[in-house]
Amino acid sequence: MTAKIVVVGSFNADLVSYMERMPRPGETVHGNRFATGAGGKGSNQAVAAARLSADVSFIGRLGNDVFANLAYEIWDAEGVNHDFVNRDSEVATGVAPILVDSSGENMIVVVLGANERLCRSDIDAARERIAAAHMLVVQLEVNLEMVPYALQAAKEFGVATILNPAPAAPISPETIQLADYLTPNETELETLIGGADDVVSAARALLTRDDQTAIVTLGAKGAQIVTPDDARLVPTFAVDVVDTTGAGDTFNAALAVGLSEGMALERAVRFANAAAALCVTKPGAADSVPGRADVDALL
């Protein structure tokens, strides 16, 4: 079965500088390489899902500038439907300057631009596409008022939802309640809960419904599944890390694909772990996302 996924989210042009180590405040360091690429959490997730054999539609906003061309180029190359992407003449396409050190760790500054202008009419125009989907995925890199609006639209049609609460930001319990699956990393979980003794307790405190699931991504340790009455750690795969940019987006995309294809939860998380593990072995965000054959081979 082909997974049908709608992603509501951001596109940012990634401006990536590679260096031996991160600069300290006030310090200038020399980089050894620079690259420009297609990024943004929403777009990364859409591209990743498409590479993992899903039928993907993207809802978002771009500016009328040269950076928008990067979006259309990668969406067309990967087969991501962009019928519901609007151009905004008043603001620029989102950009993300990224610093990557020799260990693969990254620091990112995001200027959201057109992503913050996402509005109800953008989502309303895609209601038929949402109704036909298996899964709707949304993050926090857009106008935050549209996050619950998009989730509610999916709920009206009985479509399952993933809320990836990234980048870290406070969100209301009412918004959290609309998500079937919540996928924070440890930093995002702390932002939402304000701290707890352990990951499982914190994730369980996040849940607002008996049928909700939190899946906390833990980097090299894997992913922690938490429901109101169960907790399971799904280990990841040992790989040589080059660049962690895009790993979380790849995980979310693969999770959406796995669940939409009818995989059991633990199997879908293992599938997502495999995709994310392969992602960190290459530099870049969208450029590092693996194809389905590579993920299946690792599994």
Protein backbone atom coordinates (compact mmCIF):
# COMPACT_ATOMS: atom_id res chain seq x y z
CA MET A 1 0.00 0.00 0.00
CA THR A 2 1.32 3.42 -0.93
CA ALA A 3 1.33 5.80 2.02
CA LYS A 4 -0.53 9.06 1.34
CA ILE A 5 0.93 11.84 3.46
CA VAL A 6 0.21 15.56 3.73
CA VAL A 7 2.90 17.73 5.29
CA VAL A 8 2.02 21.20 6.54
CA GLY A 9 5.22 23.05 7.20
CA SER A 10 8.20 25.15 6.33
CA PHE A 11 10.67 25.51 3.52
CA ASN A 12 13.98 27.21 4.27
CA ALA A 13 17.02 27.65 2.08
CA ASP A 14 19.91 26.10 4.03
CA LEU A 15 23.16 28.09 4.03
CA VAL A 16 25.64 25.61 5.49
CA SER A 17 29.18 26.38 6.69
CA TYR A 18 31.48 23.50 7.70
CA MET A 19 34.34 24.10 10.16
CA GLU A 20 36.62 22.28 12.56
CA ARG A 21 34.91 23.71 15.66
CA MET A 22 32.15 26.13 16.56
CA PRO A 23 33.12 29.76 17.23
CA ARG A 24 32.86 31.13 20.74
CA PRO A 25 30.88 34.38 21.26
CA GLY A 26 32.72 37.23 19.53
CA GLU A 27 35.15 34.88 17.77
CA THR A 28 35.67 34.39 14.03
CA VAL A 29 36.77 30.98 12.78
CA HIS A 30 37.61 29.86 9.26
CA GLY A 31 35.31 27.39 7.56
CA ASN A 32 36.49 24.82 5.07
CA ARG A 33 33.36 24.42 2.95
CA PHE A 34 30.07 26.17 2.16
CA ALA A 35 26.93 24.74 0.58
CA THR A 36 23.44 25.98 -0.27
CA GLY A 37 20.56 23.54 -0.22
CA ALA A 38 16.85 22.95 0.25
CA GLY A 39 15.78 22.67 3.88
CA GLY A 40 13.11 23.57 6.38
CA LYS A 41 11.55 20.97 8.66
CA GLY A 42 8.38 20.61 6.64
CA SER A 43 10.08 20.35 3.27
CA ASN A 44 12.70 17.96 4.63
CA GLN A 45 9.97 15.70 5.95
CA ALA A 46 8.04 15.84 2.67
CA VAL A 47 11.14 14.99 0.63
CA ALA A 48 12.12 12.20 3.02
CA ALA A 49 8.66 10.65 2.88
CA ALA A 50 8.70 10.80 -0.92
CA ARG A 51 12.10 9.08 -1.05
CA LEU A 52 10.67 6.39 1.19
CA SER A 53 8.01 5.66 -1.47
CA ALA A 54 5.12 7.76 -0.14
CA ASP A 55 2.67 9.88 -2.14
CA VAL A 56 3.33 13.30 -0.58
CA SER A 57 1.61 16.69 -0.77
CA PHE A 58 3.08 19.82 0.80
CA ILE A 59 1.21 22.84 2.16
CA GLY A 60 3.27 25.97 2.80
CA ARG A 61 4.44 29.41 1.66
CA LEU A 62 7.43 30.79 -0.23
CA GLY A 63 8.61 34.28 -1.09
CA ASN A 64 9.06 35.65 -4.61
CA ASP A 65 12.85 35.29 -4.64
CA VAL A 66 15.66 33.09 -5.86
CA PHE A 67 15.58 30.87 -2.78
CA ALA A 68 12.07 29.72 -3.70
CA ASN A 69 13.52 28.07 -6.80
CA LEU A 70 15.43 25.64 -4.57
CA ALA A 71 12.09 24.44 -3.20
CA TYR A 72 10.49 23.76 -6.56
CA GLU A 73 13.63 22.07 -7.86
CA ILE A 74 13.77 19.49 -5.09
CA TRP A 75 10.01 18.96 -4.90
CA ASP A 76 9.82 18.34 -8.63
CA ALA A 77 12.86 16.06 -8.53
CA GLU A 78 11.40 13.97 -5.69
CA GLY A 79 7.78 13.97 -6.83
CA VAL A 80 6.37 16.07 -3.97
CA ASN A 81 3.05 17.68 -4.94
CA HIS A 82 3.20 21.46 -4.37
CA ASP A 83 -0.22 22.50 -5.69
CA PHE A 84 -0.98 23.98 -2.26
CA VAL A 85 2.14 26.12 -1.89
CA ASN A 86 1.52 29.85 -2.25
CA ARG A 87 3.99 32.62 -3.11
CA ASP A 88 4.09 35.70 -0.88
CA SER A 89 5.27 38.95 -2.49
CA GLU A 90 5.66 40.82 0.80
CA VAL A 91 8.21 38.63 2.63
CA ALA A 92 11.21 36.51 1.74
CA THR A 93 11.47 32.73 1.56
CA GLY A 94 12.69 31.30 4.86
CA VAL A 95 16.45 30.88 5.29
CA ALA A 96 18.57 28.88 7.75
CA PRO A 97 22.27 29.63 8.22
CA ILE A 98 23.79 26.41 9.64
CA LEU A 99 27.18 25.76 11.27
CA VAL A 100 28.51 22.18 11.27
CA ASP A 101 31.67 21.15 13.14
CA SER A 102 34.03 18.25 12.46
CA SER A 103 32.13 15.95 14.85
CA GLY A 104 28.90 16.44 12.93
CA GLU A 105 27.17 18.60 15.54
CA ASN A 106 25.28 21.64 14.26
CA MET A 107 24.00 25.09 15.27
CA ILE A 108 21.15 26.63 13.29
CA VAL A 109 19.58 30.09 13.00
CA VAL A 110 16.20 30.12 11.27
CA VAL A 111 14.62 33.23 9.70
CA LEU A 112 11.11 31.99 8.91
CA GLY A 113 9.98 34.68 6.48
CA ALA A 114 7.06 33.45 4.37
CA ASN A 115 6.58 30.41 6.61
CA GLU A 116 5.11 32.71 9.27
CA ARG A 117 2.45 33.88 6.81
CA LEU A 118 0.81 30.46 6.42
CA CYS A 119 -2.93 31.03 6.86
CA ARG A 120 -6.27 29.23 7.05
CA SER A 121 -7.03 29.65 3.36
CA ASP A 122 -3.81 27.77 2.51
CA ILE A 123 -5.02 24.77 4.53
CA ASP A 124 -8.65 25.08 3.48
CA ALA A 125 -7.64 24.88 -0.18
CA ALA A 126 -6.15 21.45 0.48
CA ARG A 127 -9.02 19.93 2.45
CA GLU A 128 -9.83 17.32 -0.18
CA ARG A 129 -6.18 16.26 -0.29
CA ILE A 130 -6.09 16.04 3.51
CA ALA A 131 -9.27 13.95 3.56
CA ALA A 132 -7.68 11.42 1.19
CA ALA A 133 -4.47 11.09 3.24
CA HIS A 134 -3.42 8.41 5.72
CA MET A 135 -1.40 10.86 7.81
CA LEU A 136 -0.97 14.61 8.31
CA VAL A 137 2.36 15.83 9.67
CA VAL A 138 3.00 19.31 11.09
CA GLN A 139 5.87 21.02 12.95
CA LEU A 140 6.35 24.39 14.71
CA GLU A 141 8.32 26.21 12.00
CA VAL A 142 5.25 28.02 10.62
CA ASN A 143 2.62 30.45 11.90
CA LEU A 144 1.84 28.65 15.18
CA GLU A 145 -1.86 29.46 14.97
CA MET A 146 -2.06 27.19 11.94
CA VAL A 147 -0.70 24.14 13.79
CA PRO A 148 -3.95 23.34 15.65
CA TYR A 149 -5.96 24.44 12.61
CA ALA A 150 -4.22 21.90 10.39
CA LEU A 151 -4.48 19.16 13.02
CA GLN A 152 -8.19 19.88 13.47
CA ALA A 153 -8.76 19.69 9.72
CA ALA A 154 -7.23 16.21 9.70
CA LYS A 155 -9.28 15.13 12.72
CA GLU A 156 -12.49 16.17 10.95
CA PHE A 157 -11.72 13.59 8.26
CA GLY A 158 -10.49 10.88 10.61
CA VAL A 159 -6.91 11.27 9.36
CA ALA A 160 -4.11 10.32 11.77
CA THR A 161 -1.75 13.11 12.86
CA ILE A 162 1.87 13.54 13.86
CA LEU A 163 2.90 16.71 15.71
CA ASN A 164 6.66 17.18 15.66
CA PRO A 165 7.06 19.97 18.27
CA ALA A 166 10.19 21.38 16.67
CA PRO A 167 11.88 23.76 16.95
CA ALA A 168 11.24 23.88 20.69
CA ALA A 169 8.39 26.22 21.61
CA PRO A 170 5.56 26.24 24.16
CA ILE A 171 2.27 24.95 22.77
CA SER A 172 -1.15 24.66 24.37
CA PRO A 173 -2.66 21.46 25.77
CA GLU A 174 -5.50 21.97 23.28
CA THR A 175 -3.02 21.72 20.40
CA ILE A 176 -1.30 18.69 21.92
CA GLN A 177 -4.66 16.97 22.30
CA LEU A 178 -5.21 17.05 18.53
CA ALA A 179 -2.09 14.97 17.81
CA ASP A 180 -2.17 11.17 17.73
CA TYR A 181 1.63 10.97 17.82
CA LEU A 182 3.98 13.49 19.47
CA THR A 183 7.65 13.31 18.48
CA PRO A 184 9.83 15.64 20.58
CA ASN A 185 13.54 15.27 21.18
CA GLU A 186 14.78 15.69 24.76
CA THR A 187 15.20 19.49 24.48
CA GLU A 188 11.73 19.93 23.00
CA LEU A 189 10.23 17.67 25.64
CA GLU A 190 11.79 19.78 28.39
CA THR A 191 10.39 22.94 26.78
CA LEU A 192 6.90 21.45 26.73
CA ILE A 193 6.94 19.94 30.23
CA GLY A 194 9.42 22.14 32.10
CA GLY A 195 11.53 19.26 33.35
CA ALA A 196 10.94 15.85 34.92
CA ASP A 197 12.91 13.11 36.64
CA ASP A 198 13.23 11.02 33.49
CA VAL A 199 12.20 10.91 29.84
CA VAL A 200 9.37 8.44 30.36
CA SER A 201 7.77 10.48 33.14
CA ALA A 202 8.11 13.69 31.14
CA ALA A 203 6.65 12.15 28.00
CA ARG A 204 3.77 10.63 29.93
CA ALA A 205 3.01 14.04 31.45
CA LEU A 206 2.77 15.41 27.91
CA LEU A 207 -0.05 13.06 26.93
CA THR A 208 -3.60 14.38 27.10
CA ARG A 209 -5.54 11.34 25.80
CA ASP A 210 -5.56 7.65 26.59
CA ASP A 211 -5.00 6.78 22.91
CA GLN A 212 -2.06 9.18 22.41
CA THR A 213 1.57 8.15 21.90
CA ALA A 214 4.77 10.09 22.51
CA ILE A 215 7.95 9.00 20.74
CA VAL A 216 10.98 10.81 22.14
CA THR A 217 14.03 10.80 19.87
CA LEU A 218 17.23 10.23 21.86
CA GLY A 219 19.94 10.47 19.21
CA ALA A 220 22.42 7.59 19.41
CA LYS A 221 20.32 5.86 22.09
CA GLY A 222 17.34 5.40 19.77
CA ALA A 223 13.72 6.37 20.39
CA GLN A 224 11.54 6.00 23.49
CA ILE A 225 7.92 5.02 22.91
CA VAL A 226 5.62 6.19 25.71
CA THR A 227 1.89 5.60 26.09
CA PRO A 228 -0.24 6.08 29.21
CA ASP A 229 0.43 2.47 30.28
CA ASP A 230 3.56 1.34 28.43
CA ALA A 231 7.15 2.43 27.66
CA ARG A 232 9.60 0.81 25.25
CA LEU A 233 13.04 1.91 24.08
CA VAL A 234 13.74 1.08 20.44
CA PRO A 235 17.53 1.11 19.86
CA THR A 236 19.01 2.73 16.79
CA PHE A 237 21.84 1.60 14.49
CA ALA A 238 25.56 2.24 15.01
CA VAL A 239 26.90 4.43 12.18
CA ASP A 240 29.72 6.89 11.53
CA VAL A 241 28.23 10.34 12.11
CA VAL A 242 29.07 13.03 9.53
CA ASP A 243 26.25 15.56 10.00
CA THR A 244 23.17 15.33 12.23
CA THR A 245 21.26 17.99 10.24
CA GLY A 246 17.92 16.60 9.08
CA ALA A 247 17.99 13.43 11.21
CA GLY A 248 14.90 14.38 13.18
CA ASP A 249 13.01 15.30 10.02
CA THR A 250 13.96 12.00 8.42
CA PHE A 251 12.81 10.13 11.53
CA ASN A 252 9.40 11.84 11.45
CA ALA A 253 8.94 11.21 7.76
CA ALA A 254 9.83 7.55 8.06
CA LEU A 255 7.55 7.17 11.07
CA ALA A 256 4.67 8.66 9.06
CA VAL A 257 5.41 6.32 6.15
CA GLY A 258 5.69 3.23 8.34
CA LEU A 259 2.47 3.91 10.25
CA SER A 260 0.62 4.81 7.05
CA GLU A 261 1.70 1.52 5.50
CA GLY A 262 0.20 -0.32 8.45
CA MET A 263 3.39 -1.21 10.32
CA ALA A 264 3.01 -1.95 14.02
CA LEU A 265 4.23 0.95 16.15
CA GLU A 266 7.52 -0.59 17.28
CA ARG A 267 8.34 -1.71 13.74
CA ALA A 268 7.54 1.77 12.40
CA VAL A 269 9.87 3.33 14.99
CA ARG A 270 12.64 0.89 14.07
CA PHE A 271 12.10 1.81 10.41
CA ALA A 272 12.36 5.49 11.39
CA ASN A 273 15.53 4.84 13.39
CA ALA A 274 17.12 3.17 10.37
CA ALA A 275 16.27 6.07 8.08
CA ALA A 276 17.62 8.63 10.57
CA ALA A 277 20.80 6.61 11.10
CA LEU A 278 21.52 6.61 7.38
CA CYS A 279 20.76 10.34 7.20
CA VAL A 280 23.56 11.28 9.62
CA THR A 281 26.20 9.45 7.53
CA LYS A 282 26.04 12.19 4.86
CA PRO A 283 26.28 16.00 4.95
CA GLY A 284 23.31 18.28 4.41
CA ALA A 285 19.60 18.12 5.21
CA ALA A 286 17.43 17.03 2.28
CA ASP A 287 20.52 15.89 0.38
CA SER A 288 21.31 13.31 3.08
CA VAL A 289 17.89 11.65 3.21
CA PRO A 290 18.14 7.96 2.24
CA GLY A 291 16.02 6.12 -0.29
CA ARG A 292 13.69 3.23 0.56
CA ALA A 293 16.04 0.55 -0.76
CA ASP A 294 18.86 1.73 1.49
CA VAL A 295 16.66 1.72 4.58
CA ASP A 296 15.31 -1.73 3.80
CA ALA A 297 18.85 -2.97 3.28
CA LEU A 298 19.98 -1.64 6.68
CA LEU A 299 16.99 -3.26 8.38
